[in-house]
């Protein structure tokens, strides 16, 4: 996240570059869901837990989306030239980053292997989250040092979310574990479909950009096979 912020302070990557990496990141996250979380859920074989977990995961992500859209409307009404108008955006990003950390905690609740792969997968998403925040603050004429400190502060929420999730969810089994796994799978699928790919598709598609999704999926899946 900090690296993404530092990159954006020097030069914001082009829209095509961002779309390519977002496609790649989406493929990586989907590989974790398909290769790790879904098999674990199938092994537990508890349909009720799957249903409860998916309902909770989708409900939470839709709630966060509604909050984010409301904050964005407030930002638009406040005007883009005022640095204070970015406060709402930072709150929305903070929630997003904390949830990413919580998902990492969910992964480690399922096992060290799953958690480690989720760290790899979400690192790419957080890289460009850092880029987006730094670019937004730069447009608002916020100084470089303050921008980088803000991004660094947001990044600590990943650690907080992962630590909280890992400590609270450690040692789960049975129905509780199935609910947590299903919650994580639903949230990650939402992240791919409604955030990474939605934003990436704002740029005109090219064969290379499309192929990068599958490249990310295969790369992470091969890493799983070799682990």
Protein backbone atom coordinates (compact mmCIF):
# COMPACT_ATOMS: atom_id res chain seq x y z
CA UNK A 1 0.00 0.00 0.00
CA UNK A 2 2.81 2.38 0.91
CA UNK A 3 4.67 1.46 -2.28
CA UNK A 4 1.57 2.27 -4.34
CA UNK A 5 1.30 5.64 -2.65
CA UNK A 6 4.97 6.39 -3.29
CA UNK A 7 4.59 5.47 -6.97
CA UNK A 8 1.58 7.76 -7.39
CA UNK A 9 3.41 10.67 -5.75
CA UNK A 10 6.12 10.45 -8.42
CA UNK A 11 3.88 9.53 -11.35
CA UNK A 12 0.41 8.03 -11.51
CA UNK A 13 0.41 4.87 -13.69
CA UNK A 14 -1.59 5.07 -16.92
CA UNK A 15 -5.18 3.82 -17.02
CA UNK A 16 -4.16 0.85 -19.19
CA UNK A 17 -1.40 -0.16 -16.78
CA UNK A 18 -3.76 0.04 -13.84
CA UNK A 19 -6.42 -1.99 -15.67
CA UNK A 20 -3.88 -4.66 -16.59
CA UNK A 21 -2.67 -5.07 -13.01
CA UNK A 22 -6.24 -4.98 -11.67
CA UNK A 23 -7.17 -7.83 -14.04
CA UNK A 24 -4.10 -9.75 -12.89
CA UNK A 25 -4.98 -9.14 -9.23
CA UNK A 26 -8.57 -10.28 -9.85
CA UNK A 27 -7.27 -13.53 -11.35
CA UNK A 28 -4.99 -14.08 -8.36
CA UNK A 29 -7.81 -13.55 -5.85
CA UNK A 30 -10.14 -15.87 -7.77
CA UNK A 31 -7.44 -18.55 -7.76
CA UNK A 32 -7.35 -18.41 -3.95
CA UNK A 33 -11.13 -18.74 -3.77
CA UNK A 34 -11.30 -21.60 -6.30
CA UNK A 35 -8.16 -23.44 -5.24
CA UNK A 36 -8.26 -23.06 -1.46
CA UNK A 37 -11.48 -21.74 0.07
CA UNK A 38 -14.03 -23.68 -2.00
CA UNK A 39 -12.30 -27.06 -1.46
CA UNK A 40 -12.15 -26.35 2.29
CA UNK A 41 -15.85 -25.50 2.29
CA UNK A 42 -16.65 -28.68 0.36
CA UNK A 43 -14.62 -30.74 2.80
CA UNK A 44 -16.61 -29.39 5.76
CA UNK A 45 -19.85 -30.27 3.92
CA UNK A 46 -22.21 -28.06 5.91
CA UNK A 47 -24.80 -26.42 3.59
CA UNK A 48 -26.31 -24.31 6.39
CA UNK A 49 -22.91 -22.82 7.18
CA UNK A 50 -22.34 -22.01 3.50
CA UNK A 51 -25.71 -20.26 3.26
CA UNK A 52 -25.20 -18.23 6.44
CA UNK A 53 -21.64 -17.27 5.49
CA UNK A 54 -22.56 -16.14 1.99
CA UNK A 55 -25.54 -14.12 3.21
CA UNK A 56 -23.38 -12.37 5.83
CA UNK A 57 -20.52 -11.77 3.38
CA UNK A 58 -22.69 -10.32 0.61
CA UNK A 59 -24.75 -8.25 3.05
CA UNK A 60 -21.62 -6.72 4.58
CA UNK A 61 -20.05 -5.88 1.21
CA UNK A 62 -23.30 -4.36 -0.09
CA UNK A 63 -23.53 -2.32 3.08
CA UNK A 64 -19.97 -1.05 2.62
CA UNK A 65 -20.76 -0.23 -1.01
CA UNK A 66 -23.83 1.78 -0.01
CA UNK A 67 -21.78 3.69 2.56
CA UNK A 68 -19.01 4.35 0.04
CA UNK A 69 -21.45 5.66 -2.58
CA UNK A 70 -23.02 7.96 -0.02
CA UNK A 71 -19.59 9.29 0.95
CA UNK A 72 -18.69 9.83 -2.72
CA UNK A 73 -21.88 11.88 -3.23
CA UNK A 74 -20.93 14.04 -0.26
CA UNK A 75 -17.44 14.50 -1.75
CA UNK A 76 -18.90 15.61 -5.08
CA UNK A 77 -21.13 18.14 -3.37
CA UNK A 78 -18.17 19.45 -1.33
CA UNK A 79 -16.10 20.10 -4.47
CA UNK A 80 -12.90 18.50 -5.72
CA UNK A 81 -10.56 21.39 -5.00
CA UNK A 82 -10.78 21.24 -1.22
CA UNK A 83 -8.46 18.80 0.52
CA UNK A 84 -10.95 18.42 3.39
CA UNK A 85 -13.49 17.00 0.93
CA UNK A 86 -11.31 13.87 0.73
CA UNK A 87 -12.02 12.97 4.37
CA UNK A 88 -15.07 10.94 3.40
CA UNK A 89 -13.10 9.08 0.76
CA UNK A 90 -10.41 8.21 3.30
CA UNK A 91 -13.05 6.82 5.68
CA UNK A 92 -14.38 4.57 2.91
CA UNK A 93 -10.87 3.42 2.01
CA UNK A 94 -10.09 2.76 5.69
CA UNK A 95 -13.11 0.44 5.92
CA UNK A 96 -12.02 -1.33 2.73
CA UNK A 97 -8.45 -1.80 3.97
CA UNK A 98 -9.61 -3.07 7.36
CA UNK A 99 -11.88 -5.62 5.64
CA UNK A 100 -8.95 -6.80 3.51
CA UNK A 101 -7.00 -7.39 6.70
CA UNK A 102 -9.97 -9.20 8.23
CA UNK A 103 -10.13 -11.48 5.17
CA UNK A 104 -6.47 -12.33 5.68
CA UNK A 105 -7.37 -13.28 9.25
CA UNK A 106 -10.17 -15.46 7.87
CA UNK A 107 -7.63 -17.13 5.59
CA UNK A 108 -5.30 -17.95 8.46
CA UNK A 109 -8.27 -19.33 10.41
CA UNK A 110 -8.58 -21.86 7.57
CA UNK A 111 -4.85 -22.62 7.67
CA UNK A 112 -1.44 -21.02 7.28
CA UNK A 113 -1.30 -21.94 3.58
CA UNK A 114 -4.62 -20.22 2.78
CA UNK A 115 -3.69 -17.13 4.80
CA UNK A 116 -0.30 -16.81 3.10
CA UNK A 117 -1.84 -17.08 -0.37
CA UNK A 118 -4.40 -14.43 0.56
CA UNK A 119 -1.58 -12.10 1.61
CA UNK A 120 -0.05 -12.58 -1.85
CA UNK A 121 -3.39 -12.06 -3.59
CA UNK A 122 -4.50 -8.96 -1.68
CA UNK A 123 -1.08 -7.30 -1.88
CA UNK A 124 -1.73 -6.43 -5.54
CA UNK A 125 -5.16 -5.01 -4.73
CA UNK A 126 -3.72 -2.92 -1.89
CA UNK A 127 -0.90 -1.70 -4.14
CA UNK A 128 -3.37 0.05 -6.41
CA UNK A 129 -5.52 1.17 -3.51
CA UNK A 130 -2.44 3.08 -2.36
CA UNK A 131 -2.07 4.51 -5.86
CA UNK A 132 -5.70 5.68 -5.92
CA UNK A 133 -5.54 7.35 -2.50
CA UNK A 134 -2.25 9.13 -3.23
CA UNK A 135 -3.50 10.30 -6.63
CA UNK A 136 -6.70 11.64 -5.07
CA UNK A 137 -4.81 13.51 -2.35
CA UNK A 138 -2.34 14.91 -4.90
CA UNK A 139 -5.25 16.27 -6.95
CA UNK A 140 -6.50 17.97 -3.78
CA UNK A 141 -3.09 19.66 -3.47
CA UNK A 142 -2.10 17.78 -0.32
CA UNK A 143 1.68 17.79 0.27
CA UNK A 144 3.78 14.73 -0.58
CA UNK A 145 4.87 14.04 2.99
CA UNK A 146 1.33 14.29 4.33
CA UNK A 147 0.04 12.10 1.49
CA UNK A 148 2.59 9.38 2.17
CA UNK A 149 1.92 9.49 5.92
CA UNK A 150 -1.82 9.19 5.26
CA UNK A 151 -1.31 6.15 3.04
CA UNK A 152 1.03 4.60 5.63
CA UNK A 153 -1.56 5.18 8.35
CA UNK A 154 -4.25 3.48 6.27
CA UNK A 155 -1.97 0.52 5.62
CA UNK A 156 -1.69 -0.20 9.35
CA UNK A 157 -5.39 -1.10 9.28
CA UNK A 158 -4.46 -4.20 7.25
CA UNK A 159 -2.33 -5.42 10.15
CA UNK A 160 -5.03 -4.49 12.66
CA UNK A 161 -7.75 -6.32 10.71
CA UNK A 162 -5.61 -9.41 10.15
CA UNK A 163 -4.54 -9.55 13.81
CA UNK A 164 -8.09 -9.11 15.04
CA UNK A 165 -9.48 -11.66 12.62
CA UNK A 166 -6.72 -14.16 13.24
CA UNK A 167 -6.99 -13.96 17.03
CA UNK A 168 -10.78 -14.13 17.16
CA UNK A 169 -11.14 -16.88 14.57
CA UNK A 170 -8.21 -19.11 15.53
CA UNK A 171 -9.13 -22.67 16.41
CA UNK A 172 -12.58 -22.62 14.80
CA UNK A 173 -14.06 -25.89 13.57
CA UNK A 174 -17.33 -27.36 12.41
CA UNK A 175 -20.22 -25.03 11.56
CA UNK A 176 -18.40 -21.90 12.77
CA UNK A 177 -15.45 -22.58 10.44
CA UNK A 178 -17.80 -23.23 7.51
CA UNK A 179 -19.52 -19.89 8.10
CA UNK A 180 -16.20 -18.05 8.25
CA UNK A 181 -14.88 -19.73 5.09
CA UNK A 182 -18.10 -18.98 3.20
CA UNK A 183 -18.05 -15.39 4.43
CA UNK A 184 -14.48 -14.98 3.16
CA UNK A 185 -15.28 -16.58 -0.21
CA UNK A 186 -18.32 -14.33 -0.75
CA UNK A 187 -16.42 -11.18 0.22
CA UNK A 188 -13.48 -12.03 -2.06
CA UNK A 189 -15.76 -12.84 -5.00
CA UNK A 190 -17.50 -9.51 -4.46
CA UNK A 191 -14.10 -7.78 -4.38
CA UNK A 192 -13.21 -9.29 -7.76
CA UNK A 193 -16.52 -8.72 -9.55
CA UNK A 194 -17.75 -5.43 -8.11
CA UNK A 195 -14.47 -3.62 -7.36
CA UNK A 196 -11.40 -4.82 -9.25
CA UNK A 197 -13.04 -5.76 -12.56
CA UNK A 198 -15.68 -3.01 -12.50
CA UNK A 199 -13.02 -0.33 -12.17
CA UNK A 200 -10.70 -2.09 -14.61
CA UNK A 201 -13.43 -2.23 -17.28
CA UNK A 202 -13.62 1.55 -17.37
CA UNK A 203 -10.64 1.26 -19.73
CA UNK A 204 -11.08 -0.13 -23.25
CA UNK A 205 -10.33 -3.84 -23.26
CA UNK A 206 -7.38 -5.25 -25.19
CA UNK A 207 -6.36 -8.91 -25.62
CA UNK A 208 -3.37 -8.33 -23.31
CA UNK A 209 -5.52 -6.81 -20.56
CA UNK A 210 -8.05 -9.65 -20.78
CA UNK A 211 -5.32 -12.29 -20.79
CA UNK A 212 -3.79 -10.78 -17.64
CA UNK A 213 -6.77 -12.04 -15.60
CA UNK A 214 -6.04 -15.62 -16.64
CA UNK A 215 -2.30 -15.06 -16.18
CA UNK A 216 -2.94 -14.05 -12.58
CA UNK A 217 -5.19 -17.06 -11.99
CA UNK A 218 -2.68 -19.53 -13.44
CA UNK A 219 0.29 -17.92 -11.66
CA UNK A 220 -1.30 -18.22 -8.23
CA UNK A 221 -2.71 -21.69 -8.93
CA UNK A 222 0.75 -22.92 -9.96
CA UNK A 223 2.12 -21.42 -6.74
CA UNK A 224 -0.50 -23.41 -4.81
CA UNK A 225 0.52 -26.63 -6.57
CA UNK A 226 4.19 -26.07 -5.78
CA UNK A 227 3.59 -25.08 -2.15
